[in-house]
């Protein structure tokens, strides 16, 4: 039986087991999906020793630190500098190849909104997930400013943006009372707020924007699209 999985920490509230178990059932595949909650990225080498493990997705906090442990990256993952999918090729010697499907999910989720809202964005966060967002923004010629925890934003900064993307874990379950440091009154009906967080469906960040008339999109569609792309990579 083939084994697929998710590598990261912590994983107790992950959507992936439910999604991929249903995918396996629908595809009638001789496979299962497991969680690999590891404390150190180097533990991945031990996981790969399992000959039934054919691939896994990667989440916080290992999307960038996993790269030196892999044998190869596809062109997109190399450009982005972050990996969220690994395929294990055992046809000859064991070979691990890293991919990035976060960019596929994000692009397909947001591209329909870019012509409607404009091409000036604030990108909240600069970690592994943010790298995929930057890749898509560059591809679609969206001008963006990276906002980290040390950045001081003003009302004028927020007003000048058309799109605001939360690529941080702030607001993710169970820390649902956390939120990027943007004053609620700075949001307006001309904003598109996109939160990569999918659990809860409406984060505090999105709730504040919605109360001011902004268009809000959560990370659920992106998650499904990137997961479908991962499944295709593992099985092609």
Protein backbone atom coordinates (compact mmCIF):
# COMPACT_ATOMS: atom_id res chain seq x y z
CA UNK A 1 0.00 0.00 0.00
CA UNK A 2 1.27 3.44 -0.94
CA UNK A 3 1.65 5.96 1.85
CA UNK A 4 1.20 9.70 1.38
CA UNK A 5 1.39 12.21 4.18
CA UNK A 6 1.81 15.66 5.60
CA UNK A 7 4.99 16.88 7.29
CA UNK A 8 4.98 19.84 9.67
CA UNK A 9 4.41 20.96 13.25
CA UNK A 10 1.87 21.22 14.76
CA UNK A 11 -0.63 19.19 12.74
CA UNK A 12 -3.50 18.33 15.07
CA UNK A 13 -5.95 20.66 13.29
CA UNK A 14 -4.90 19.85 9.72
CA UNK A 15 -7.45 19.58 6.94
CA UNK A 16 -5.24 17.25 4.86
CA UNK A 17 -6.14 13.81 6.32
CA UNK A 18 -9.83 14.28 5.64
CA UNK A 19 -9.25 15.68 2.16
CA UNK A 20 -6.72 13.11 0.97
CA UNK A 21 -8.52 10.15 2.57
CA UNK A 22 -11.61 11.13 0.59
CA UNK A 23 -9.47 11.56 -2.52
CA UNK A 24 -8.04 8.07 -2.06
CA UNK A 25 -11.55 6.66 -1.62
CA UNK A 26 -12.86 8.39 -4.74
CA UNK A 27 -9.88 7.26 -6.80
CA UNK A 28 -10.11 3.72 -5.36
CA UNK A 29 -6.38 3.88 -4.78
CA UNK A 30 -4.45 1.33 -2.75
CA UNK A 31 -3.08 4.02 -0.47
CA UNK A 32 -3.42 5.77 2.86
CA UNK A 33 -2.61 9.20 4.25
CA UNK A 34 -0.70 9.85 7.45
CA UNK A 35 0.42 12.81 9.53
CA UNK A 36 4.12 13.20 10.31
CA UNK A 37 4.35 15.72 13.12
CA UNK A 38 8.09 16.23 13.55
CA UNK A 39 10.08 18.54 15.82
CA UNK A 40 13.08 18.95 13.52
CA UNK A 41 13.25 19.06 9.72
CA UNK A 42 16.12 16.55 9.71
CA UNK A 43 13.66 13.85 10.81
CA UNK A 44 12.36 13.78 7.25
CA UNK A 45 15.36 11.67 6.24
CA UNK A 46 14.18 8.96 8.63
CA UNK A 47 10.64 9.06 7.21
CA UNK A 48 11.93 8.51 3.68
CA UNK A 49 13.45 5.20 4.76
CA UNK A 50 9.92 3.76 4.70
CA UNK A 51 9.76 2.14 1.25
CA UNK A 52 5.97 2.59 1.06
CA UNK A 53 6.16 6.37 1.42
CA UNK A 54 5.65 7.82 -2.06
CA UNK A 55 5.19 11.50 -1.32
CA UNK A 56 4.13 14.10 1.18
CA UNK A 57 3.02 17.68 1.49
CA UNK A 58 4.95 20.15 3.63
CA UNK A 59 3.53 22.84 5.88
CA UNK A 60 4.77 25.17 8.62
CA UNK A 61 7.54 25.55 9.55
CA UNK A 62 9.51 23.51 7.00
CA UNK A 63 8.66 24.86 3.53
CA UNK A 64 12.06 26.48 3.18
CA UNK A 65 14.29 24.52 5.54
CA UNK A 66 13.46 21.24 3.78
CA UNK A 67 15.16 22.33 0.55
CA UNK A 68 18.75 21.33 1.45
CA UNK A 69 17.52 17.82 2.30
CA UNK A 70 16.05 17.19 -1.16
CA UNK A 71 17.80 15.75 -4.19
CA UNK A 72 16.17 18.08 -6.71
CA UNK A 73 13.64 20.88 -7.17
CA UNK A 74 11.38 21.48 -10.11
CA UNK A 75 11.88 24.83 -11.86
CA UNK A 76 8.99 26.60 -10.15
CA UNK A 77 9.96 25.53 -6.64
CA UNK A 78 13.53 26.60 -7.30
CA UNK A 79 12.38 30.02 -8.45
CA UNK A 80 10.04 30.45 -5.48
CA UNK A 81 12.50 29.16 -2.91
CA UNK A 82 9.91 27.14 -1.00
CA UNK A 83 8.52 23.60 -1.24
CA UNK A 84 5.14 22.29 -0.18
CA UNK A 85 5.09 18.98 -2.08
CA UNK A 86 7.71 16.22 -2.22
CA UNK A 87 7.61 13.24 -4.56
CA UNK A 88 9.76 10.21 -3.76
CA UNK A 89 11.00 8.42 -6.86
CA UNK A 90 12.03 4.84 -6.01
CA UNK A 91 12.29 3.58 -9.60
CA UNK A 92 16.06 3.33 -9.27
CA UNK A 93 17.95 4.93 -6.40
CA UNK A 94 15.74 6.80 -3.93
CA UNK A 95 15.35 10.38 -5.14
CA UNK A 96 13.33 13.19 -3.55
CA UNK A 97 11.98 16.00 -5.73
CA UNK A 98 10.46 19.19 -4.34
CA UNK A 99 7.58 21.10 -5.92
CA UNK A 100 5.48 24.12 -5.09
CA UNK A 101 1.75 23.82 -5.64
CA UNK A 102 0.87 26.69 -3.29
CA UNK A 103 1.45 28.98 -6.26
CA UNK A 104 -1.03 26.97 -8.35
CA UNK A 105 -3.69 27.19 -5.66
CA UNK A 106 -3.13 30.88 -4.98
CA UNK A 107 -3.02 31.88 -8.63
CA UNK A 108 -6.20 30.02 -9.54
CA UNK A 109 -7.96 31.48 -6.49
CA UNK A 110 -6.99 35.13 -6.95
CA UNK A 111 -6.45 35.71 -10.65
CA UNK A 112 -10.13 36.42 -11.33
CA UNK A 113 -10.06 39.25 -8.80
CA UNK A 114 -6.90 41.05 -9.95
CA UNK A 115 -8.57 42.85 -12.92
CA UNK A 116 -11.42 43.94 -10.64
CA UNK A 117 -9.39 45.29 -7.72
CA UNK A 118 -6.14 46.53 -9.19
CA UNK A 119 -2.47 45.75 -8.96
CA UNK A 120 -1.25 47.23 -5.69
CA UNK A 121 -0.95 44.82 -2.79
CA UNK A 122 0.22 44.46 0.77
CA UNK A 123 1.68 41.04 1.52
CA UNK A 124 1.54 40.28 5.22
CA UNK A 125 4.37 37.87 6.05
CA UNK A 126 7.54 36.72 4.35
CA UNK A 127 7.73 33.00 5.18
CA UNK A 128 7.32 29.92 3.02
CA UNK A 129 3.72 30.56 2.00
CA UNK A 130 4.48 34.18 1.14
CA UNK A 131 7.09 33.09 -1.41
CA UNK A 132 4.37 31.51 -3.56
CA UNK A 133 2.27 34.67 -3.30
CA UNK A 134 5.23 36.78 -4.46
CA UNK A 135 5.76 34.44 -7.41
CA UNK A 136 2.13 34.87 -8.53
CA UNK A 137 2.18 38.63 -8.00
CA UNK A 138 5.34 38.93 -10.09
CA UNK A 139 3.78 36.80 -12.82
CA UNK A 140 0.69 39.02 -12.96
CA UNK A 141 2.64 42.26 -12.55
CA UNK A 142 1.08 43.12 -9.20
CA UNK A 143 3.11 45.69 -7.27
CA UNK A 144 3.42 44.59 -3.67
CA UNK A 145 4.94 45.64 -0.39
CA UNK A 146 6.05 43.02 2.11
CA UNK A 147 4.82 43.67 5.63
CA UNK A 148 6.60 41.93 8.51
CA UNK A 149 6.08 42.18 12.25
CA UNK A 150 8.59 45.04 12.33
CA UNK A 151 6.82 47.08 9.65
CA UNK A 152 4.92 50.15 10.76
CA UNK A 153 1.80 50.58 8.62
CA UNK A 154 -0.23 53.75 8.35
CA UNK A 155 -3.79 54.37 7.21
CA UNK A 156 -2.34 55.85 4.02
CA UNK A 157 -0.40 52.64 3.30
CA UNK A 158 -3.53 50.53 3.60
CA UNK A 159 -5.65 52.96 1.61
CA UNK A 160 -3.16 52.81 -1.27
CA UNK A 161 -3.48 49.01 -1.52
CA UNK A 162 -6.10 47.23 -3.59
CA UNK A 163 -5.32 43.72 -2.34
CA UNK A 164 -4.18 42.68 1.14
CA UNK A 165 -2.98 39.10 1.60
CA UNK A 166 -2.41 37.48 4.97
CA UNK A 167 0.36 34.91 4.49
CA UNK A 168 1.02 34.56 8.23
CA UNK A 169 -0.51 31.96 10.59
CA UNK A 170 -2.20 34.74 12.59
CA UNK A 171 -5.84 33.84 13.12
CA UNK A 172 -5.38 30.12 12.50
CA UNK A 173 -7.27 27.75 14.79
CA UNK A 174 -6.93 27.52 17.75
CA UNK A 175 -5.43 31.05 17.96
CA UNK A 176 -8.57 32.56 16.44
CA UNK A 177 -8.32 35.81 18.40
CA UNK A 178 -5.06 36.82 16.70
CA UNK A 179 -4.91 39.08 13.67
CA UNK A 180 -2.40 41.07 11.57
CA UNK A 181 -1.82 44.52 13.03
CA UNK A 182 -4.06 46.60 10.76
CA UNK A 183 -6.66 48.91 12.24
CA UNK A 184 -10.20 47.90 11.31
CA UNK A 185 -11.13 51.44 10.29
CA UNK A 186 -8.45 51.39 7.58
CA UNK A 187 -10.33 48.79 5.53
CA UNK A 188 -12.93 49.87 2.96
CA UNK A 189 -15.21 48.55 0.22
CA UNK A 190 -12.47 48.93 -2.40
CA UNK A 191 -10.24 46.33 -0.74
CA UNK A 192 -9.85 42.64 -1.47
CA UNK A 193 -8.70 40.74 1.62
CA UNK A 194 -7.28 37.28 0.94
CA UNK A 195 -6.36 35.09 3.91
CA UNK A 196 -4.31 31.96 3.27
CA UNK A 197 -5.68 30.60 6.55
CA UNK A 198 -8.65 28.26 5.98
CA UNK A 199 -9.52 27.26 9.55
CA UNK A 200 -11.64 29.04 10.70
CA UNK A 201 -13.40 29.92 7.47
CA UNK A 202 -13.73 33.52 8.61
CA UNK A 203 -10.66 34.71 10.45
CA UNK A 204 -10.63 37.84 12.58
CA UNK A 205 -8.71 39.54 9.75
CA UNK A 206 -11.48 38.76 7.26
CA UNK A 207 -14.22 39.62 9.73
CA UNK A 208 -12.77 43.09 10.28
CA UNK A 209 -12.56 43.68 6.54
CA UNK A 210 -16.05 42.41 5.89
CA UNK A 211 -17.46 44.78 8.51
CA UNK A 212 -16.04 47.66 6.47
CA UNK A 213 -17.42 46.37 3.17
CA UNK A 214 -14.27 44.73 1.80
CA UNK A 215 -14.43 41.64 -0.40
CA UNK A 216 -12.99 38.70 1.56
CA UNK A 217 -11.62 35.33 0.42
CA UNK A 218 -10.31 32.59 2.70
CA UNK A 219 -7.70 29.95 1.92
CA UNK A 220 -10.02 26.96 1.47
CA UNK A 221 -10.21 27.03 -2.34
CA UNK A 222 -6.45 27.57 -2.55
CA UNK A 223 -5.91 24.59 -0.24
CA UNK A 224 -8.07 22.29 -2.36
CA UNK A 225 -6.42 23.37 -5.60
CA UNK A 226 -2.89 22.89 -4.29
CA UNK A 227 -3.86 19.50 -2.84
CA UNK A 228 -5.26 18.36 -6.19
CA UNK A 229 -2.03 19.44 -7.87
CA UNK A 230 -0.03 17.50 -5.27
CA UNK A 231 -2.08 14.35 -5.92
CA UNK A 232 -1.41 14.67 -9.65
CA UNK A 233 2.34 15.03 -9.08
CA UNK A 234 2.45 11.96 -6.83
CA UNK A 235 0.56 9.79 -9.29
CA UNK A 236 1.79 10.88 -12.70
